[in-house]
Amino acid sequence: MTSSASTDSWYQDAAAAQIKSERLEKAELLNGRVAMLGFVIGVLTEVITGHGIVSQITLGAFGCN
């Protein structure tokens, strides 16, 4: 009976590890896509406004033009 319980526990642990791995993979994929989107938006804003990405960030912080 203990052998069956330990086997069941092993399967439960293996399934939990697989689920965690799949969630982590999906989260990293989403993070990468959001980062690429942010970079493209920054470059497009630079093209439209003529301000560099660093300048765009500091404009809000310091209120300078």
PDB file of N, CA and C in Angstrom:
ATOM      1  N   MET A   1       0.821  -1.185   0.000  1.00  0.00           N
ATOM      2  CA  MET A   1       0.000   0.000   0.000  1.00  0.00           C
ATOM      3  C   MET A   1       0.867   1.251   0.000  1.00  0.00           C
ATOM      4  N   THR A   2       1.966   1.240   0.689  1.00  0.00           N
ATOM      5  CA  THR A   2       2.838   2.413   0.698  1.00  0.00           C
ATOM      6  C   THR A   2       3.509   2.613  -0.649  1.00  0.00           C
ATOM      7  N   SER A   3       3.757   1.510  -1.352  1.00  0.00           N
ATOM      8  CA  SER A   3       4.356   1.625  -2.673  1.00  0.00           C
ATOM      9  C   SER A   3       3.417   2.348  -3.634  1.00  0.00           C
ATOM     10  N   SER A   4       2.145   2.020  -3.561  1.00  0.00           N
ATOM     11  CA  SER A   4       1.150   2.677  -4.400  1.00  0.00           C
ATOM     12  C   SER A   4       1.017   4.154  -4.038  1.00  0.00           C
ATOM     13  N   ALA A   5       1.052   4.444  -2.736  1.00  0.00           N
ATOM     14  CA  ALA A   5       0.941   5.835  -2.289  1.00  0.00           C
ATOM     15  C   ALA A   5       2.153   6.644  -2.741  1.00  0.00           C
ATOM     16  N   SER A   6       3.343   6.063  -2.660  1.00  0.00           N
ATOM     17  CA  SER A   6       4.541   6.791  -3.088  1.00  0.00           C
ATOM     18  C   SER A   6       4.552   6.968  -4.605  1.00  0.00           C
ATOM     19  N   THR A   7       4.038   5.987  -5.337  1.00  0.00           N
ATOM     20  CA  THR A   7       3.951   6.106  -6.790  1.00  0.00           C
ATOM     21  C   THR A   7       2.965   7.208  -7.169  1.00  0.00           C
ATOM     22  N   ASP A   8       1.825   7.236  -6.482  1.00  0.00           N
ATOM     23  CA  ASP A   8       0.838   8.288  -6.737  1.00  0.00           C
ATOM     24  C   ASP A   8       1.418   9.655  -6.424  1.00  0.00           C
ATOM     25  N   SER A   9       2.157   9.746  -5.347  1.00  0.00           N
ATOM     26  CA  SER A   9       2.783  11.010  -4.966  1.00  0.00           C
ATOM     27  C   SER A   9       3.792  11.441  -6.023  1.00  0.00           C
ATOM     28  N   TRP A  10       4.551  10.478  -6.538  1.00  0.00           N
ATOM     29  CA  TRP A  10       5.532  10.803  -7.584  1.00  0.00           C
ATOM     30  C   TRP A  10       4.831  11.335  -8.828  1.00  0.00           C
ATOM     31  N   TYR A  11       3.731  10.704  -9.241  1.00  0.00           N
ATOM     32  CA  TYR A  11       2.990  11.174 -10.411  1.00  0.00           C
ATOM     33  C   TYR A  11       2.406  12.569 -10.174  1.00  0.00           C
ATOM     34  N   GLN A  12       1.918  12.804  -8.968  1.00  0.00           N
ATOM     35  CA  GLN A  12       1.380  14.127  -8.628  1.00  0.00           C
ATOM     36  C   GLN A  12       2.482  15.190  -8.719  1.00  0.00           C
ATOM     37  N   ASP A  13       3.647  14.890  -8.181  1.00  0.00           N
ATOM     38  CA  ASP A  13       4.770  15.825  -8.220  1.00  0.00           C
ATOM     39  C   ASP A  13       5.239  16.073  -9.656  1.00  0.00           C
ATOM     40  N   ALA A  14       5.289  15.003 -10.453  1.00  0.00           N
ATOM     41  CA  ALA A  14       5.708  15.142 -11.845  1.00  0.00           C
ATOM     42  C   ALA A  14       4.704  15.979 -12.634  1.00  0.00           C
ATOM     43  N   ALA A  15       3.429  15.779 -12.397  1.00  0.00           N
ATOM     44  CA  ALA A  15       2.396  16.563 -13.090  1.00  0.00           C
ATOM     45  C   ALA A  15       2.466  18.025 -12.673  1.00  0.00           C
ATOM     46  N   ALA A  16       2.667  18.283 -11.391  1.00  0.00           N
ATOM     47  CA  ALA A  16       2.779  19.663 -10.908  1.00  0.00           C
ATOM     48  C   ALA A  16       3.999  20.358 -11.513  1.00  0.00           C
ATOM     49  N   ALA A  17       5.111  19.644 -11.623  1.00  0.00           N
ATOM     50  CA  ALA A  17       6.319  20.218 -12.220  1.00  0.00           C
ATOM     51  C   ALA A  17       6.104  20.537 -13.698  1.00  0.00           C
ATOM     52  N   GLN A  18       5.399  19.660 -14.400  1.00  0.00           N
ATOM     53  CA  GLN A  18       5.134  19.887 -15.814  1.00  0.00           C
ATOM     54  C   GLN A  18       4.220  21.097 -16.007  1.00  0.00           C
ATOM     55  N   ILE A  19       3.201  21.220 -15.187  1.00  0.00           N
ATOM     56  CA  ILE A  19       2.285  22.360 -15.271  1.00  0.00           C
ATOM     57  C   ILE A  19       3.035  23.657 -14.990  1.00  0.00           C
ATOM     58  N   LYS A  20       3.887  23.648 -13.963  1.00  0.00           N
ATOM     59  CA  LYS A  20       4.673  24.839 -13.631  1.00  0.00           C
ATOM     60  C   LYS A  20       5.588  25.218 -14.790  1.00  0.00           C
ATOM     61  N   SER A  21       6.209  24.233 -15.405  1.00  0.00           N
ATOM     62  CA  SER A  21       7.111  24.476 -16.532  1.00  0.00           C
ATOM     63  C   SER A  21       6.357  25.077 -17.717  1.00  0.00           C
ATOM     64  N   GLU A  22       5.176  24.550 -17.998  1.00  0.00           N
ATOM     65  CA  GLU A  22       4.380  25.074 -19.110  1.00  0.00           C
ATOM     66  C   GLU A  22       3.920  26.503 -18.843  1.00  0.00           C
ATOM     67  N   ARG A  23       3.532  26.806 -17.607  1.00  0.00           N
ATOM     68  CA  ARG A  23       3.113  28.165 -17.255  1.00  0.00           C
ATOM     69  C   ARG A  23       4.281  29.134 -17.374  1.00  0.00           C
ATOM     70  N   LEU A  24       5.460  28.706 -16.928  1.00  0.00           N
ATOM     71  CA  LEU A  24       6.647  29.544 -17.014  1.00  0.00           C
ATOM     72  C   LEU A  24       6.994  29.829 -18.469  1.00  0.00           C
ATOM     73  N   GLU A  25       6.898  28.817 -19.316  1.00  0.00           N
ATOM     74  CA  GLU A  25       7.197  28.988 -20.736  1.00  0.00           C
ATOM     75  C   GLU A  25       6.233  29.981 -21.376  1.00  0.00           C
ATOM     76  N   LYS A  26       4.948  29.881 -21.060  1.00  0.00           N
ATOM     77  CA  LYS A  26       3.953  30.805 -21.613  1.00  0.00           C
ATOM     78  C   LYS A  26       4.181  32.224 -21.101  1.00  0.00           C
ATOM     79  N   ALA A  27       4.547  32.365 -19.825  1.00  0.00           N
ATOM     80  CA  ALA A  27       4.801  33.684 -19.248  1.00  0.00           C
ATOM     81  C   ALA A  27       6.014  34.334 -19.912  1.00  0.00           C
ATOM     82  N   GLU A  28       7.061  33.576 -20.144  1.00  0.00           N
ATOM     83  CA  GLU A  28       8.253  34.119 -20.793  1.00  0.00           C
ATOM     84  C   GLU A  28       7.973  34.512 -22.241  1.00  0.00           C
ATOM     85  N   LEU A  29       7.155  33.742 -22.914  1.00  0.00           N
ATOM     86  CA  LEU A  29       6.776  34.075 -24.282  1.00  0.00           C
ATOM     87  C   LEU A  29       5.994  35.386 -24.312  1.00  0.00           C
ATOM     88  N   LEU A  30       5.066  35.551 -23.395  1.00  0.00           N
ATOM     89  CA  LEU A  30       4.300  36.791 -23.303  1.00  0.00           C
ATOM     90  C   LEU A  30       5.204  37.967 -22.966  1.00  0.00           C
ATOM     91  N   ASN A  31       6.121  37.798 -22.008  1.00  0.00           N
ATOM     92  CA  ASN A  31       7.043  38.873 -21.650  1.00  0.00           C
ATOM     93  C   ASN A  31       7.892  39.304 -22.844  1.00  0.00           C
ATOM     94  N   GLY A  32       8.361  38.357 -23.615  1.00  0.00           N
ATOM     95  CA  GLY A  32       9.157  38.671 -24.799  1.00  0.00           C
ATOM     96  C   GLY A  32       8.362  39.450 -25.827  1.00  0.00           C
ATOM     97  N   ARG A  33       7.130  39.053 -26.042  1.00  0.00           N
ATOM     98  CA  ARG A  33       6.286  39.752 -27.014  1.00  0.00           C
ATOM     99  C   ARG A  33       5.968  41.171 -26.567  1.00  0.00           C
ATOM    100  N   VAL A  34       5.703  41.345 -25.283  1.00  0.00           N
ATOM    101  CA  VAL A  34       5.417  42.685 -24.752  1.00  0.00           C
ATOM    102  C   VAL A  34       6.662  43.565 -24.859  1.00  0.00           C
ATOM    103  N   ALA A  35       7.834  43.018 -24.596  1.00  0.00           N
ATOM    104  CA  ALA A  35       9.079  43.780 -24.711  1.00  0.00           C
ATOM    105  C   ALA A  35       9.318  44.212 -26.154  1.00  0.00           C
ATOM    106  N   MET A  36       9.093  43.326 -27.104  1.00  0.00           N
ATOM    107  CA  MET A  36       9.259  43.685 -28.516  1.00  0.00           C
ATOM    108  C   MET A  36       8.275  44.768 -28.925  1.00  0.00           C
ATOM    109  N   LEU A  37       7.046  44.667 -28.451  1.00  0.00           N
ATOM    110  CA  LEU A  37       6.032  45.669 -28.758  1.00  0.00           C
ATOM    111  C   LEU A  37       6.429  47.022 -28.180  1.00  0.00           C
ATOM    112  N   GLY A  38       6.917  47.041 -26.953  1.00  0.00           N
ATOM    113  CA  GLY A  38       7.364  48.288 -26.332  1.00  0.00           C
ATOM    114  C   GLY A  38       8.512  48.919 -27.085  1.00  0.00           C
ATOM    115  N   PHE A  39       9.449  48.117 -27.538  1.00  0.00           N
ATOM    116  CA  PHE A  39      10.587  48.636 -28.299  1.00  0.00           C
ATOM    117  C   PHE A  39      10.118  49.254 -29.617  1.00  0.00           C
ATOM    118  N   VAL A  40       9.230  48.574 -30.314  1.00  0.00           N
ATOM    119  CA  VAL A  40       8.718  49.092 -31.588  1.00  0.00           C
ATOM    120  C   VAL A  40       7.957  50.397 -31.359  1.00  0.00           C
ATOM    121  N   ILE A  41       7.162  50.475 -30.312  1.00  0.00           N
ATOM    122  CA  ILE A  41       6.432  51.708 -30.008  1.00  0.00           C
ATOM    123  C   ILE A  41       7.410  52.829 -29.695  1.00  0.00           C
ATOM    124  N   GLY A  42       8.474  52.542 -28.960  1.00  0.00           N
ATOM    125  CA  GLY A  42       9.487  53.547 -28.659  1.00  0.00           C
ATOM    126  C   GLY A  42      10.168  54.063 -29.910  1.00  0.00           C
ATOM    127  N   VAL A  43      10.510  53.169 -30.826  1.00  0.00           N
ATOM    128  CA  VAL A  43      11.157  53.578 -32.076  1.00  0.00           C
ATOM    129  C   VAL A  43      10.195  54.384 -32.936  1.00  0.00           C
ATOM    130  N   LEU A  44       8.954  53.965 -33.021  1.00  0.00           N
ATOM    131  CA  LEU A  44       7.974  54.715 -33.814  1.00  0.00           C
ATOM    132  C   LEU A  44       7.744  56.108 -33.233  1.00  0.00           C
ATOM    133  N   THR A  45       7.688  56.201 -31.918  1.00  0.00           N
ATOM    134  CA  THR A  45       7.524  57.501 -31.277  1.00  0.00           C
ATOM    135  C   THR A  45       8.736  58.385 -31.542  1.00  0.00           C
ATOM    136  N   GLU A  46       9.920  57.787 -31.569  1.00  0.00           N
ATOM    137  CA  GLU A  46      11.132  58.538 -31.882  1.00  0.00           C
ATOM    138  C   GLU A  46      11.077  59.078 -33.307  1.00  0.00           C
ATOM    139  N   VAL A  47      10.596  58.273 -34.231  1.00  0.00           N
ATOM    140  CA  VAL A  47      10.483  58.714 -35.621  1.00  0.00           C
ATOM    141  C   VAL A  47       9.466  59.846 -35.743  1.00  0.00           C
ATOM    142  N   ILE A  48       8.358  59.733 -35.045  1.00  0.00           N
ATOM    143  CA  ILE A  48       7.287  60.737 -35.148  1.00  0.00           C
ATOM    144  C   ILE A  48       7.664  62.041 -34.456  1.00  0.00           C
ATOM    145  N   THR A  49       8.222  61.968 -33.230  1.00  0.00           N
ATOM    146  CA  THR A  49       8.482  63.176 -32.450  1.00  0.00           C
ATOM    147  C   THR A  49       9.873  63.751 -32.652  1.00  0.00           C
ATOM    148  N   GLY A  50      10.814  62.945 -33.063  1.00  0.00           N
ATOM    149  CA  GLY A  50      12.190  63.407 -33.208  1.00  0.00           C
ATOM    150  C   GLY A  50      12.981  63.333 -31.912  1.00  0.00           C
ATOM    151  N   HIS A  51      12.369  62.904 -30.824  1.00  0.00           N
ATOM    152  CA  HIS A  51      13.060  62.726 -29.542  1.00  0.00           C
ATOM    153  C   HIS A  51      13.507  61.275 -29.423  1.00  0.00           C
ATOM    154  N   GLY A  52      14.715  61.071 -28.884  1.00  0.00           N
ATOM    155  CA  GLY A  52      15.211  59.719 -28.666  1.00  0.00           C
ATOM    156  C   GLY A  52      14.440  59.024 -27.555  1.00  0.00           C
ATOM    157  N   ILE A  53      14.671  57.732 -27.412  1.00  0.00           N
ATOM    158  CA  ILE A  53      13.960  56.951 -26.395  1.00  0.00           C
ATOM    159  C   ILE A  53      14.298  57.458 -24.997  1.00  0.00           C
ATOM    160  N   VAL A  54      15.564  57.771 -24.735  1.00  0.00           N
ATOM    161  CA  VAL A  54      15.954  58.279 -23.415  1.00  0.00           C
ATOM    162  C   VAL A  54      15.284  59.619 -23.168  1.00  0.00           C
ATOM    163  N   SER A  55      15.234  60.459 -24.184  1.00  0.00           N
ATOM    164  CA  SER A  55      14.582  61.763 -24.059  1.00  0.00           C
ATOM    165  C   SER A  55      13.092  61.596 -23.783  1.00  0.00           C
ATOM    166  N   GLN A  56      12.468  60.624 -24.390  1.00  0.00           N
ATOM    167  CA  GLN A  56      11.043  60.383 -24.162  1.00  0.00           C
ATOM    168  C   GLN A  56      10.787  60.025 -22.701  1.00  0.00           C
ATOM    169  N   ILE A  57      11.666  59.248 -22.125  1.00  0.00           N
ATOM    170  CA  ILE A  57      11.492  58.817 -20.739  1.00  0.00           C
ATOM    171  C   ILE A  57      11.711  59.992 -19.793  1.00  0.00           C
ATOM    172  N   THR A  58      12.747  60.799 -20.026  1.00  0.00           N
ATOM    173  CA  THR A  58      13.070  61.900 -19.114  1.00  0.00           C
ATOM    174  C   THR A  58      12.119  63.072 -19.260  1.00  0.00           C
ATOM    175  N   LEU A  59      11.436  63.203 -20.379  1.00  0.00           N
ATOM    176  CA  LEU A  59      10.476  64.311 -20.543  1.00  0.00           C
ATOM    177  C   LEU A  59       9.389  64.243 -19.490  1.00  0.00           C
ATOM    178  N   GLY A  60       8.893  63.070 -19.207  1.00  0.00           N
ATOM    179  CA  GLY A  60       7.858  62.933 -18.202  1.00  0.00           C
ATOM    180  C   GLY A  60       8.385  63.162 -16.796  1.00  0.00           C
ATOM    181  N   ALA A  61       9.619  62.766 -16.543  1.00  0.00           N
ATOM    182  CA  ALA A  61      10.177  62.880 -15.199  1.00  0.00           C
ATOM    183  C   ALA A  61      10.564  64.313 -14.852  1.00  0.00           C
ATOM    184  N   PHE A  62      11.140  65.048 -15.813  1.00  0.00           N
ATOM    185  CA  PHE A  62      11.664  66.378 -15.529  1.00  0.00           C
ATOM    186  C   PHE A  62      10.817  67.505 -16.102  1.00  0.00           C
ATOM    187  N   GLY A  63       9.893  67.186 -16.999  1.00  0.00           N
ATOM    188  CA  GLY A  63       9.010  68.189 -17.573  1.00  0.00           C
ATOM    189  C   GLY A  63       9.717  69.123 -18.535  1.00  0.00           C
ATOM    190  N   CYS A  64      10.856  68.712 -19.077  1.00  0.00           N
ATOM    191  CA  CYS A  64      11.612  69.563 -20.010  1.00  0.00           C
ATOM    192  C   CYS A  64      11.212  69.245 -21.442  1.00  0.00           C
ATOM    193  N   ASN A  65      11.387  70.184 -22.316  1.00  0.00           N
ATOM    194  CA  ASN A  65      11.107  69.958 -23.745  1.00  0.00           C
ATOM    195  C   ASN A  65      12.366  69.806 -24.524  1.00  0.00           C
TER     196      ASN A  65
END
